Amino acid sequence: MKRLLTKMTKIPTWAICFCAYSMMLAPSHAQQPSQQPPAQKEQYSELPAGAGKDTLVRVCSKCHSPDNVIANGQDRAGWEATITKMAGFGAVGTDDEFTEILDYLVKNFPADSGLINVNKAAAAQLASGLGLTDTEAAAVVDYRKKNGDFKTIDDLKKVPDVDAKKLDAKKDRLTF
């Protein structure tokens, strides 16, 4: 028994939990197709569409909002470390799912280059990168959804309730 316990302490706790959890769900999961409620897809509309988004939402939203990734761009090694850490905290997914999430994050949330693409940035990125309030950043996103992409800073200044002085102060960080 002592020898078994010694061997088991070398296996990370998350791996044991993952295996146990997977075995419990295997029969019921095999009988039911994986379906994601439509409301969940709409709930994270600020996340860019693409391969891996649905997997990210499904796996990560069990513990926190997937929107947490929006303002925290990283390089591939950084995202790998984050995913490994989250798996250590109990995130449940297959190797293929974690790879799909990694590829999605690397493509859509790279390390901060200092520039903000106002046509792709989520409200959290606009707020943190341009010094806008959450309300101003949300107004920019809503305006963009209704009116299409911005072409110039003057287009951006047309957004109601956004302080144009803040945009002028950060104009060197703006891309369209």
N, C-alpha and C. Protein backbone atom coordinates (compact mmCIF):
# COMPACT_ATOMS: atom_id res chain seq x y z
N MET A 1 0.83 -1.19 0.00
CA MET A 1 0.00 0.00 0.00
C MET A 1 0.88 1.26 0.00
N LYS A 2 1.92 1.27 0.81
CA LYS A 2 2.80 2.42 0.89
C LYS A 2 3.47 2.68 -0.46
N ARG A 3 3.85 1.62 -1.16
CA ARG A 3 4.48 1.75 -2.46
C ARG A 3 3.51 2.36 -3.47
N LEU A 4 2.24 1.96 -3.44
CA LEU A 4 1.22 2.51 -4.32
C LEU A 4 1.01 3.98 -4.03
N LEU A 5 0.94 4.37 -2.77
CA LEU A 5 0.77 5.77 -2.42
C LEU A 5 1.96 6.60 -2.88
N THR A 6 3.16 6.07 -2.78
CA THR A 6 4.35 6.78 -3.23
C THR A 6 4.27 7.03 -4.73
N LYS A 7 3.86 6.03 -5.49
CA LYS A 7 3.73 6.19 -6.93
C LYS A 7 2.62 7.19 -7.27
N MET A 8 1.52 7.14 -6.53
CA MET A 8 0.39 8.02 -6.82
C MET A 8 0.71 9.48 -6.51
N THR A 9 1.57 9.74 -5.56
CA THR A 9 1.88 11.14 -5.25
C THR A 9 2.67 11.80 -6.37
N LYS A 10 3.25 11.00 -7.25
CA LYS A 10 3.98 11.56 -8.39
C LYS A 10 3.03 11.96 -9.52
N ILE A 11 1.79 11.49 -9.50
CA ILE A 11 0.80 11.85 -10.51
C ILE A 11 0.10 13.11 -10.03
N PRO A 12 0.05 14.13 -10.87
CA PRO A 12 -0.64 15.37 -10.45
C PRO A 12 -2.09 15.11 -10.10
N THR A 13 -2.56 15.79 -9.09
CA THR A 13 -3.93 15.62 -8.62
C THR A 13 -4.92 15.87 -9.73
N TRP A 14 -4.67 16.90 -10.57
CA TRP A 14 -5.61 17.22 -11.63
C TRP A 14 -5.76 16.06 -12.60
N ALA A 15 -4.68 15.29 -12.82
CA ALA A 15 -4.74 14.17 -13.75
C ALA A 15 -5.64 13.07 -13.19
N ILE A 16 -5.53 12.83 -11.91
CA ILE A 16 -6.37 11.81 -11.26
C ILE A 16 -7.83 12.23 -11.33
N CYS A 17 -8.10 13.50 -11.01
CA CYS A 17 -9.47 14.00 -11.04
C CYS A 17 -10.03 13.94 -12.46
N PHE A 18 -9.19 14.30 -13.44
CA PHE A 18 -9.63 14.28 -14.82
C PHE A 18 -10.00 12.87 -15.25
N CYS A 19 -9.17 11.91 -14.91
CA CYS A 19 -9.45 10.52 -15.28
C CYS A 19 -10.73 10.02 -14.62
N ALA A 20 -10.87 10.29 -13.33
CA ALA A 20 -12.07 9.85 -12.61
C ALA A 20 -13.32 10.50 -13.20
N TYR A 21 -13.24 11.78 -13.45
CA TYR A 21 -14.36 12.52 -14.01
C TYR A 21 -14.71 11.98 -15.40
N SER A 22 -13.70 11.72 -16.21
CA SER A 22 -13.93 11.20 -17.56
C SER A 22 -14.60 9.84 -17.53
N MET A 23 -14.18 8.99 -16.60
CA MET A 23 -14.77 7.65 -16.52
C MET A 23 -16.22 7.73 -16.07
N MET A 24 -16.54 8.67 -15.20
CA MET A 24 -17.92 8.81 -14.73
C MET A 24 -18.82 9.29 -15.86
N LEU A 25 -18.32 10.16 -16.72
CA LEU A 25 -19.14 10.74 -17.77
C LEU A 25 -19.14 9.95 -19.06
N ALA A 26 -18.22 9.07 -19.24
CA ALA A 26 -18.07 8.37 -20.52
C ALA A 26 -19.35 7.73 -21.02
N PRO A 27 -20.08 6.93 -20.23
CA PRO A 27 -21.29 6.30 -20.78
C PRO A 27 -22.36 7.31 -21.17
N SER A 28 -22.63 8.30 -20.33
CA SER A 28 -23.69 9.24 -20.65
C SER A 28 -23.27 10.17 -21.78
N HIS A 29 -22.01 10.53 -21.84
CA HIS A 29 -21.52 11.41 -22.89
C HIS A 29 -21.58 10.71 -24.25
N ALA A 30 -21.33 9.44 -24.28
CA ALA A 30 -21.33 8.69 -25.53
C ALA A 30 -22.74 8.58 -26.10
N GLN A 31 -23.76 8.62 -25.24
CA GLN A 31 -25.13 8.46 -25.70
C GLN A 31 -25.76 9.77 -26.15
N GLN A 32 -25.23 10.90 -25.68
CA GLN A 32 -25.83 12.18 -26.01
C GLN A 32 -24.88 13.02 -26.82
N PRO A 33 -25.33 13.58 -27.93
CA PRO A 33 -24.45 14.47 -28.68
C PRO A 33 -24.22 15.75 -27.89
N SER A 34 -23.02 16.26 -28.03
CA SER A 34 -22.68 17.49 -27.34
C SER A 34 -23.43 18.64 -27.98
N GLN A 35 -24.27 19.29 -27.19
CA GLN A 35 -25.02 20.42 -27.70
C GLN A 35 -24.77 21.61 -26.81
N GLN A 36 -24.57 22.73 -27.45
CA GLN A 36 -24.33 23.96 -26.72
C GLN A 36 -25.56 24.83 -26.90
N PRO A 37 -26.14 25.31 -25.81
CA PRO A 37 -27.32 26.14 -25.97
C PRO A 37 -27.00 27.40 -26.77
N PRO A 38 -27.93 27.84 -27.65
CA PRO A 38 -27.68 29.03 -28.45
C PRO A 38 -27.37 30.25 -27.60
N ALA A 39 -27.97 30.36 -26.44
CA ALA A 39 -27.74 31.52 -25.58
C ALA A 39 -26.27 31.63 -25.17
N GLN A 40 -25.62 30.48 -25.02
CA GLN A 40 -24.22 30.51 -24.60
C GLN A 40 -23.35 31.10 -25.70
N LYS A 41 -23.64 30.80 -26.96
CA LYS A 41 -22.86 31.34 -28.06
C LYS A 41 -23.01 32.86 -28.12
N GLU A 42 -24.22 33.35 -27.90
CA GLU A 42 -24.48 34.78 -27.93
C GLU A 42 -23.87 35.48 -26.72
N GLN A 43 -23.77 34.78 -25.62
CA GLN A 43 -23.28 35.37 -24.38
C GLN A 43 -21.85 35.88 -24.52
N TYR A 44 -21.05 35.26 -25.35
CA TYR A 44 -19.66 35.65 -25.51
C TYR A 44 -19.41 36.18 -26.92
N SER A 45 -20.29 37.06 -27.37
CA SER A 45 -20.19 37.58 -28.73
C SER A 45 -18.95 38.44 -28.95
N GLU A 46 -18.32 38.92 -27.88
CA GLU A 46 -17.11 39.72 -28.05
C GLU A 46 -15.90 38.86 -28.44
N LEU A 47 -15.98 37.57 -28.19
CA LEU A 47 -14.89 36.69 -28.61
C LEU A 47 -14.97 36.50 -30.12
N PRO A 48 -13.85 36.61 -30.80
CA PRO A 48 -13.87 36.43 -32.26
C PRO A 48 -14.34 35.03 -32.65
N ALA A 49 -15.09 34.95 -33.73
CA ALA A 49 -15.53 33.66 -34.25
C ALA A 49 -14.31 32.90 -34.77
N GLY A 50 -14.42 31.59 -34.77
CA GLY A 50 -13.34 30.78 -35.32
C GLY A 50 -13.24 29.44 -34.62
N ALA A 51 -12.44 28.57 -35.23
CA ALA A 51 -12.23 27.24 -34.67
C ALA A 51 -11.64 27.39 -33.27
N GLY A 52 -12.26 26.77 -32.31
CA GLY A 52 -11.77 26.81 -30.94
C GLY A 52 -12.60 27.67 -30.01
N LYS A 53 -13.40 28.59 -30.57
CA LYS A 53 -14.19 29.47 -29.71
C LYS A 53 -15.18 28.68 -28.87
N ASP A 54 -15.95 27.81 -29.50
CA ASP A 54 -16.95 27.04 -28.76
C ASP A 54 -16.30 26.16 -27.70
N THR A 55 -15.15 25.60 -28.03
CA THR A 55 -14.44 24.75 -27.07
C THR A 55 -13.94 25.60 -25.90
N LEU A 56 -13.41 26.76 -26.18
CA LEU A 56 -12.96 27.68 -25.13
C LEU A 56 -14.12 28.02 -24.21
N VAL A 57 -15.26 28.39 -24.77
CA VAL A 57 -16.42 28.77 -23.96
C VAL A 57 -16.87 27.59 -23.11
N ARG A 58 -16.96 26.42 -23.71
CA ARG A 58 -17.45 25.25 -22.99
C ARG A 58 -16.51 24.85 -21.85
N VAL A 59 -15.22 24.81 -22.12
CA VAL A 59 -14.25 24.34 -21.13
C VAL A 59 -13.98 25.41 -20.06
N CYS A 60 -13.80 26.63 -20.48
CA CYS A 60 -13.36 27.67 -19.54
C CYS A 60 -14.49 28.29 -18.73
N SER A 61 -15.71 28.31 -19.29
CA SER A 61 -16.80 28.99 -18.59
C SER A 61 -17.29 28.22 -17.36
N LYS A 62 -16.79 27.03 -17.15
CA LYS A 62 -17.17 26.29 -15.94
C LYS A 62 -16.57 26.93 -14.70
N CYS A 63 -15.46 27.66 -14.86
CA CYS A 63 -14.78 28.26 -13.71
C CYS A 63 -14.76 29.79 -13.74
N HIS A 64 -14.73 30.36 -14.92
CA HIS A 64 -14.64 31.82 -15.04
C HIS A 64 -15.17 32.24 -16.39
N SER A 65 -15.35 33.52 -16.57
CA SER A 65 -15.80 34.03 -17.85
C SER A 65 -14.69 33.89 -18.89
N PRO A 66 -15.00 33.33 -20.05
CA PRO A 66 -14.00 33.27 -21.11
C PRO A 66 -13.53 34.65 -21.55
N ASP A 67 -14.30 35.68 -21.23
CA ASP A 67 -13.88 37.04 -21.56
C ASP A 67 -12.59 37.43 -20.85
N ASN A 68 -12.18 36.67 -19.84
CA ASN A 68 -10.92 36.98 -19.15
C ASN A 68 -9.73 37.01 -20.09
N VAL A 69 -9.80 36.29 -21.20
CA VAL A 69 -8.66 36.23 -22.11
C VAL A 69 -8.53 37.47 -22.97
N ILE A 70 -9.59 38.24 -23.10
CA ILE A 70 -9.63 39.33 -24.06
C ILE A 70 -8.52 40.35 -23.86
N ALA A 71 -8.32 40.79 -22.65
CA ALA A 71 -7.34 41.85 -22.41
C ALA A 71 -5.97 41.31 -22.00
N ASN A 72 -5.78 40.02 -22.11
CA ASN A 72 -4.54 39.41 -21.63
C ASN A 72 -3.81 38.63 -22.71
N GLY A 73 -3.49 39.28 -23.82
CA GLY A 73 -2.79 38.60 -24.90
C GLY A 73 -1.43 38.07 -24.46
N GLN A 74 -1.06 36.94 -25.04
CA GLN A 74 0.21 36.29 -24.72
C GLN A 74 0.76 35.61 -25.98
N ASP A 75 2.03 35.25 -25.92
CA ASP A 75 2.58 34.46 -27.01
C ASP A 75 2.22 32.99 -26.76
N ARG A 76 2.62 32.11 -27.67
CA ARG A 76 2.22 30.70 -27.56
C ARG A 76 2.69 30.07 -26.24
N ALA A 77 3.92 30.35 -25.85
CA ALA A 77 4.44 29.78 -24.60
C ALA A 77 3.63 30.29 -23.40
N GLY A 78 3.25 31.54 -23.44
CA GLY A 78 2.45 32.10 -22.35
C GLY A 78 1.08 31.45 -22.26
N TRP A 79 0.44 31.25 -23.42
CA TRP A 79 -0.87 30.59 -23.41
C TRP A 79 -0.75 29.12 -22.98
N GLU A 80 0.32 28.45 -23.40
CA GLU A 80 0.53 27.06 -22.97
C GLU A 80 0.64 27.00 -21.46
N ALA A 81 1.40 27.93 -20.88
CA ALA A 81 1.57 27.96 -19.42
C ALA A 81 0.24 28.23 -18.73
N THR A 82 -0.56 29.13 -19.29
CA THR A 82 -1.87 29.45 -18.70
C THR A 82 -2.79 28.24 -18.76
N ILE A 83 -2.82 27.56 -19.90
CA ILE A 83 -3.69 26.38 -20.03
C ILE A 83 -3.24 25.28 -19.08
N THR A 84 -1.95 25.07 -18.96
CA THR A 84 -1.42 24.07 -18.02
C THR A 84 -1.83 24.42 -16.59
N LYS A 85 -1.73 25.69 -16.26
CA LYS A 85 -2.13 26.15 -14.92
C LYS A 85 -3.62 25.91 -14.69
N MET A 86 -4.45 26.22 -15.70
CA MET A 86 -5.89 26.03 -15.56
C MET A 86 -6.24 24.54 -15.44
N ALA A 87 -5.53 23.69 -16.17
CA ALA A 87 -5.75 22.25 -16.03
C ALA A 87 -5.38 21.82 -14.62
N GLY A 88 -4.34 22.41 -14.07
CA GLY A 88 -3.94 22.12 -12.70
C GLY A 88 -4.99 22.54 -11.70
N PHE A 89 -5.75 23.59 -12.04
CA PHE A 89 -6.83 24.06 -11.17
C PHE A 89 -8.11 23.27 -11.38
N GLY A 90 -8.12 22.36 -12.36
CA GLY A 90 -9.28 21.50 -12.54
C GLY A 90 -10.01 21.65 -13.86
N ALA A 91 -9.51 22.46 -14.79
CA ALA A 91 -10.15 22.55 -16.09
C ALA A 91 -10.15 21.18 -16.75
N VAL A 92 -11.28 20.79 -17.30
CA VAL A 92 -11.43 19.46 -17.87
C VAL A 92 -11.57 19.55 -19.38
N GLY A 93 -10.68 18.86 -20.08
CA GLY A 93 -10.72 18.81 -21.52
C GLY A 93 -9.73 17.76 -22.01
N THR A 94 -9.92 17.36 -23.25
CA THR A 94 -8.98 16.39 -23.83
C THR A 94 -7.76 17.15 -24.32
N ASP A 95 -6.71 16.41 -24.65
CA ASP A 95 -5.52 17.04 -25.23
C ASP A 95 -5.88 17.78 -26.52
N ASP A 96 -6.74 17.18 -27.33
CA ASP A 96 -7.15 17.83 -28.58
C ASP A 96 -7.92 19.12 -28.30
N GLU A 97 -8.77 19.11 -27.28
CA GLU A 97 -9.52 20.32 -26.93
C GLU A 97 -8.58 21.42 -26.43
N PHE A 98 -7.63 21.06 -25.58
CA PHE A 98 -6.69 22.05 -25.08
C PHE A 98 -5.82 22.60 -26.23
N THR A 99 -5.47 21.76 -27.19
CA THR A 99 -4.71 22.23 -28.34
C THR A 99 -5.55 23.17 -29.19
N GLU A 100 -6.82 22.84 -29.37
CA GLU A 100 -7.73 23.70 -30.13
C GLU A 100 -7.89 25.06 -29.44
N ILE A 101 -8.02 25.05 -28.13
CA ILE A 101 -8.10 26.30 -27.37
C ILE A 101 -6.81 27.10 -27.51
N LEU A 102 -5.68 26.42 -27.39
CA LEU A 102 -4.38 27.08 -27.53
C LEU A 102 -4.26 27.76 -28.89
N ASP A 103 -4.58 27.05 -29.96
CA ASP A 103 -4.48 27.61 -31.31
C ASP A 103 -5.39 28.83 -31.46
N TYR A 104 -6.60 28.74 -30.90
CA TYR A 104 -7.55 29.86 -30.95
C TYR A 104 -7.00 31.08 -30.22
N LEU A 105 -6.47 30.86 -29.02
CA LEU A 105 -5.94 31.97 -28.22
C LEU A 105 -4.73 32.62 -28.88
N VAL A 106 -3.82 31.81 -29.40
CA VAL A 106 -2.62 32.34 -30.05
C VAL A 106 -3.01 33.19 -31.26
N LYS A 107 -3.97 32.71 -32.04
CA LYS A 107 -4.39 33.43 -33.24
C LYS A 107 -5.12 34.73 -32.89
N ASN A 108 -6.01 34.68 -31.93
CA ASN A 108 -6.90 35.81 -31.66
C ASN A 108 -6.46 36.75 -30.54
N PHE A 109 -5.57 36.28 -29.67
CA PHE A 109 -5.14 37.10 -28.53
C PHE A 109 -3.62 37.03 -28.36
N PRO A 110 -2.90 37.57 -29.36
CA PRO A 110 -1.43 37.54 -29.28
C PRO A 110 -0.93 38.51 -28.22
N ALA A 111 0.35 38.42 -27.94
CA ALA A 111 0.97 39.34 -26.97
C ALA A 111 0.73 40.77 -27.44
N ASP A 112 0.56 41.67 -26.49
CA ASP A 112 0.26 43.06 -26.77
C ASP A 112 1.37 43.72 -27.59
N SER A 113 1.02 44.20 -28.76
CA SER A 113 1.98 44.90 -29.61
C SER A 113 1.98 46.39 -29.31
N GLY A 114 1.06 46.80 -28.46
CA GLY A 114 0.92 48.22 -28.16
C GLY A 114 -0.13 48.89 -29.03
N LEU A 115 -0.55 48.22 -30.11
CA LEU A 115 -1.55 48.78 -31.01
C LEU A 115 -2.92 48.16 -30.72
N ILE A 116 -3.96 48.95 -30.92
CA ILE A 116 -5.32 48.49 -30.71
C ILE A 116 -6.06 48.59 -32.03
N ASN A 117 -6.51 47.47 -32.56
CA ASN A 117 -7.33 47.48 -33.77
C ASN A 117 -8.77 47.71 -33.32
N VAL A 118 -9.26 48.92 -33.54
CA VAL A 118 -10.58 49.29 -33.03
C VAL A 118 -11.72 48.55 -33.73
N ASN A 119 -11.43 47.90 -34.85
CA ASN A 119 -12.45 47.14 -35.54
C ASN A 119 -12.53 45.69 -35.07
N LYS A 120 -11.57 45.26 -34.28
CA LYS A 120 -11.55 43.88 -33.79
C LYS A 120 -11.54 43.81 -32.26
N ALA A 121 -11.11 44.86 -31.61
CA ALA A 121 -10.95 44.84 -30.16
C ALA A 121 -12.28 44.71 -29.44
N ALA A 122 -12.25 43.94 -28.38
CA ALA A 122 -13.41 43.82 -27.51
C ALA A 122 -13.43 45.03 -26.57
N ALA A 123 -14.55 45.22 -25.90
CA ALA A 123 -14.69 46.37 -25.01
C ALA A 123 -13.59 46.41 -23.95
N ALA A 124 -13.24 45.25 -23.40
CA ALA A 124 -12.20 45.21 -22.36
C ALA A 124 -10.85 45.68 -22.92
N GLN A 125 -10.54 45.33 -24.15
CA GLN A 125 -9.29 45.76 -24.77
C GLN A 125 -9.30 47.27 -25.03
N LEU A 126 -10.43 47.77 -25.47
CA LEU A 126 -10.55 49.21 -25.71
C LEU A 126 -10.39 49.99 -24.41
N ALA A 127 -11.00 49.48 -23.35
CA ALA A 127 -10.92 50.16 -22.06
C ALA A 127 -9.49 50.16 -21.54
N SER A 128 -8.85 49.01 -21.53
CA SER A 128 -7.50 48.94 -20.97
C SER A 128 -6.46 49.58 -21.88
N GLY A 129 -6.62 49.45 -23.19
CA GLY A 129 -5.62 49.95 -24.11
C GLY A 129 -5.72 51.42 -24.44
N LEU A 130 -6.94 51.96 -24.35
CA LEU A 130 -7.14 53.35 -24.73
C LEU A 130 -7.53 54.24 -23.56
N GLY A 131 -7.69 53.65 -22.39
CA GLY A 131 -8.06 54.44 -21.22
C GLY A 131 -9.51 54.88 -21.23
N LEU A 132 -10.35 54.16 -21.96
CA LEU A 132 -11.78 54.47 -21.98
C LEU A 132 -12.45 53.87 -20.75
N THR A 133 -13.57 54.43 -20.36
CA THR A 133 -14.36 53.81 -19.30
C THR A 133 -15.02 52.57 -19.89
N ASP A 134 -15.53 51.70 -19.05
CA ASP A 134 -16.23 50.52 -19.54
C ASP A 134 -17.45 50.92 -20.39
N THR A 135 -18.13 51.98 -19.97
CA THR A 135 -19.30 52.47 -20.70
C THR A 135 -18.90 52.99 -22.08
N GLU A 136 -17.81 53.76 -22.15
CA GLU A 136 -17.34 54.27 -23.44
C GLU A 136 -16.91 53.13 -24.36
N ALA A 137 -16.19 52.17 -23.81
CA ALA A 137 -15.72 51.04 -24.61
C ALA A 137 -16.89 50.23 -25.16
N ALA A 138 -17.90 50.01 -24.33
CA ALA A 138 -19.10 49.28 -24.77
C ALA A 138 -19.82 50.07 -25.87
N ALA A 139 -19.84 51.40 -25.75
CA ALA A 139 -20.47 52.24 -26.77
C ALA A 139 -19.75 52.10 -28.11
N VAL A 140 -18.42 52.02 -28.08
CA VAL A 140 -17.64 51.84 -29.31
C VAL A 140 -18.00 50.51 -29.97
N VAL A 141 -18.05 49.44 -29.19
CA VAL A 141 -18.39 48.12 -29.73
C VAL A 141 -19.80 48.11 -30.29
N ASP A 142 -20.76 48.68 -29.56
CA ASP A 142 -22.15 48.72 -30.03
C ASP A 142 -22.27 49.52 -31.33
N TYR A 143 -21.60 50.66 -31.39
CA TYR A 143 -21.62 51.51 -32.59
C TYR A 143 -21.03 50.75 -33.77
N ARG A 144 -19.93 50.07 -33.54
CA ARG A 144 -19.26 49.30 -34.60
C ARG A 144 -20.18 48.20 -35.13
N LYS A 145 -20.89 47.52 -34.22
CA LYS A 145 -21.81 46.45 -34.64
C LYS A 145 -22.94 47.00 -35.50
N LYS A 146 -23.43 48.19 -35.15
CA LYS A 146 -24.56 48.78 -35.87
C LYS A 146 -24.15 49.44 -37.18
N ASN A 147 -22.95 50.03 -37.21
CA ASN A 147 -22.55 50.87 -38.34
C ASN A 147 -21.39 50.34 -39.17
N GLY A 148 -20.80 49.25 -38.75
CA GLY A 148 -19.67 48.69 -39.51
C GLY A 148 -18.34 49.21 -39.01
N ASP A 149 -17.28 48.76 -39.66
CA ASP A 149 -15.92 49.10 -39.24
C ASP A 149 -15.62 50.59 -39.35
N PHE A 150 -14.73 51.03 -38.47
CA PHE A 150 -14.22 52.40 -38.51
C PHE A 150 -13.10 52.45 -39.55
N LYS A 151 -13.01 53.57 -40.26
CA LYS A 151 -11.93 53.73 -41.24
C LYS A 151 -10.89 54.74 -40.77
N THR A 152 -11.32 55.70 -39.97
CA THR A 152 -10.43 56.76 -39.49
C THR A 152 -10.76 57.11 -38.04
N ILE A 153 -9.90 57.89 -37.44
CA ILE A 153 -10.16 58.35 -36.07
C ILE A 153 -11.40 59.24 -36.05
N ASP A 154 -11.66 59.95 -37.13
CA ASP A 154 -12.85 60.80 -37.20
C ASP A 154 -14.12 59.96 -37.14
N ASP A 155 -14.10 58.77 -37.77
CA ASP A 155 -15.24 57.85 -37.66
C ASP A 155 -15.43 57.44 -36.20
N LEU A 156 -14.34 57.17 -35.54
CA LEU A 156 -14.38 56.73 -34.14
C LEU A 156 -14.92 57.84 -33.23
N LYS A 157 -14.61 59.06 -33.56
CA LYS A 157 -15.08 60.20 -32.75
C LYS A 157 -16.58 60.44 -32.88
N LYS A 158 -17.22 59.80 -33.86
CA LYS A 158 -18.67 59.93 -34.03
C LYS A 158 -19.46 59.12 -33.01
N VAL A 159 -18.79 58.26 -32.28
CA VAL A 159 -19.47 57.42 -31.29
C VAL A 159 -19.98 58.31 -30.17
N PRO A 160 -21.29 58.31 -29.93
CA PRO A 160 -21.84 59.14 -28.85
C PRO A 160 -21.27 58.75 -27.48
N ASP A 161 -21.10 59.75 -26.65
CA ASP A 161 -20.67 59.56 -25.25
C ASP A 161 -19.25 59.03 -25.09
N VAL A 162 -18.41 59.19 -26.10
CA VAL A 162 -17.01 58.82 -25.99
C VAL A 162 -16.19 60.11 -26.03
N ASP A 163 -15.29 60.24 -25.06
CA ASP A 163 -14.47 61.43 -24.94
C ASP A 163 -13.42 61.46 -26.06
N ALA A 164 -13.60 62.38 -27.01
CA ALA A 164 -12.69 62.48 -28.16
C ALA A 164 -11.27 62.81 -27.73
N LYS A 165 -11.11 63.50 -26.61
CA LYS A 165 -9.77 63.84 -26.12
C LYS A 165 -8.98 62.58 -25.76
N LYS A 166 -9.66 61.58 -25.23
CA LYS A 166 -9.00 60.31 -24.91
C LYS A 166 -8.52 59.63 -26.19
N LEU A 167 -9.34 59.70 -27.23
CA LEU A 167 -8.96 59.08 -28.50
C LEU A 167 -7.77 59.81 -29.12
N ASP A 168 -7.80 61.14 -29.07
CA ASP A 168 -6.68 61.92 -29.60
C ASP A 168 -5.38 61.61 -28.86
N ALA A 169 -5.49 61.44 -27.55
CA ALA A 169 -4.30 61.16 -26.74
C ALA A 169 -3.67 59.81 -27.07
N LYS A 170 -4.47 58.88 -27.57
CA LYS A 170 -3.98 57.53 -27.87
C LYS A 170 -3.98 57.24 -29.37
N LYS A 171 -4.07 58.26 -30.21
CA LYS A 171 -4.22 58.04 -31.65
C LYS A 171 -3.07 57.24 -32.27
N ASP A 172 -1.88 57.30 -31.67
CA ASP A 172 -0.75 56.54 -32.19
C ASP A 172 -0.88 55.03 -31.95
N ARG A 173 -1.77 54.67 -31.07
CA ARG A 173 -1.99 53.24 -30.76
C ARG A 173 -3.15 52.64 -31.57
N LEU A 174 -3.86 53.48 -32.32
CA LEU A 174 -5.04 53.02 -33.05
C LEU A 174 -4.68 52.43 -34.41
N THR A 175 -5.29 51.32 -34.74
CA THR A 175 -5.23 50.78 -36.10
C THR A 175 -6.66 50.48 -36.52
N PHE A 176 -6.86 50.49 -37.83
CA PHE A 176 -8.22 50.30 -38.36
C PHE A 176 -8.26 49.16 -39.35
